[in-house]
Amino acid sequence: MGNTKPMSKRKIPEHHKNRFIEMSLFLKNYRANERLSMSEFSKLTDTHVNTIQRFEKGNKNITVLTLFDFIDAMDMSLPEFFEGMN
């Protein structure tokens, strides 16, 4: 097994980066409008506060399940969450 190469990070296309930023800003604005701290939102979503912090800064890919937890905590459907996003 000497031919194993370390896994390389997949380059994220620019349009996906823009979508990620849009989602992270949406979450941040939601929290601000609801006057929820990261810690409070963390408890609602059963997600570590560092995950929320990194996501809102735009430098953390999250799993689909974590995104679903965020959307559920916001009491939204998927179409409501993604409405107006590119």
Foldseek 3Di string as FASTA:
>chain_A
DVPDDPDDDDDDDPVVLQLLQVLLCLLVVLCVVVVHDLVRLCVQLVHDSVQNVCSNVSNDDDDVSSVVSSCVSSVHDPCVSCPPGD
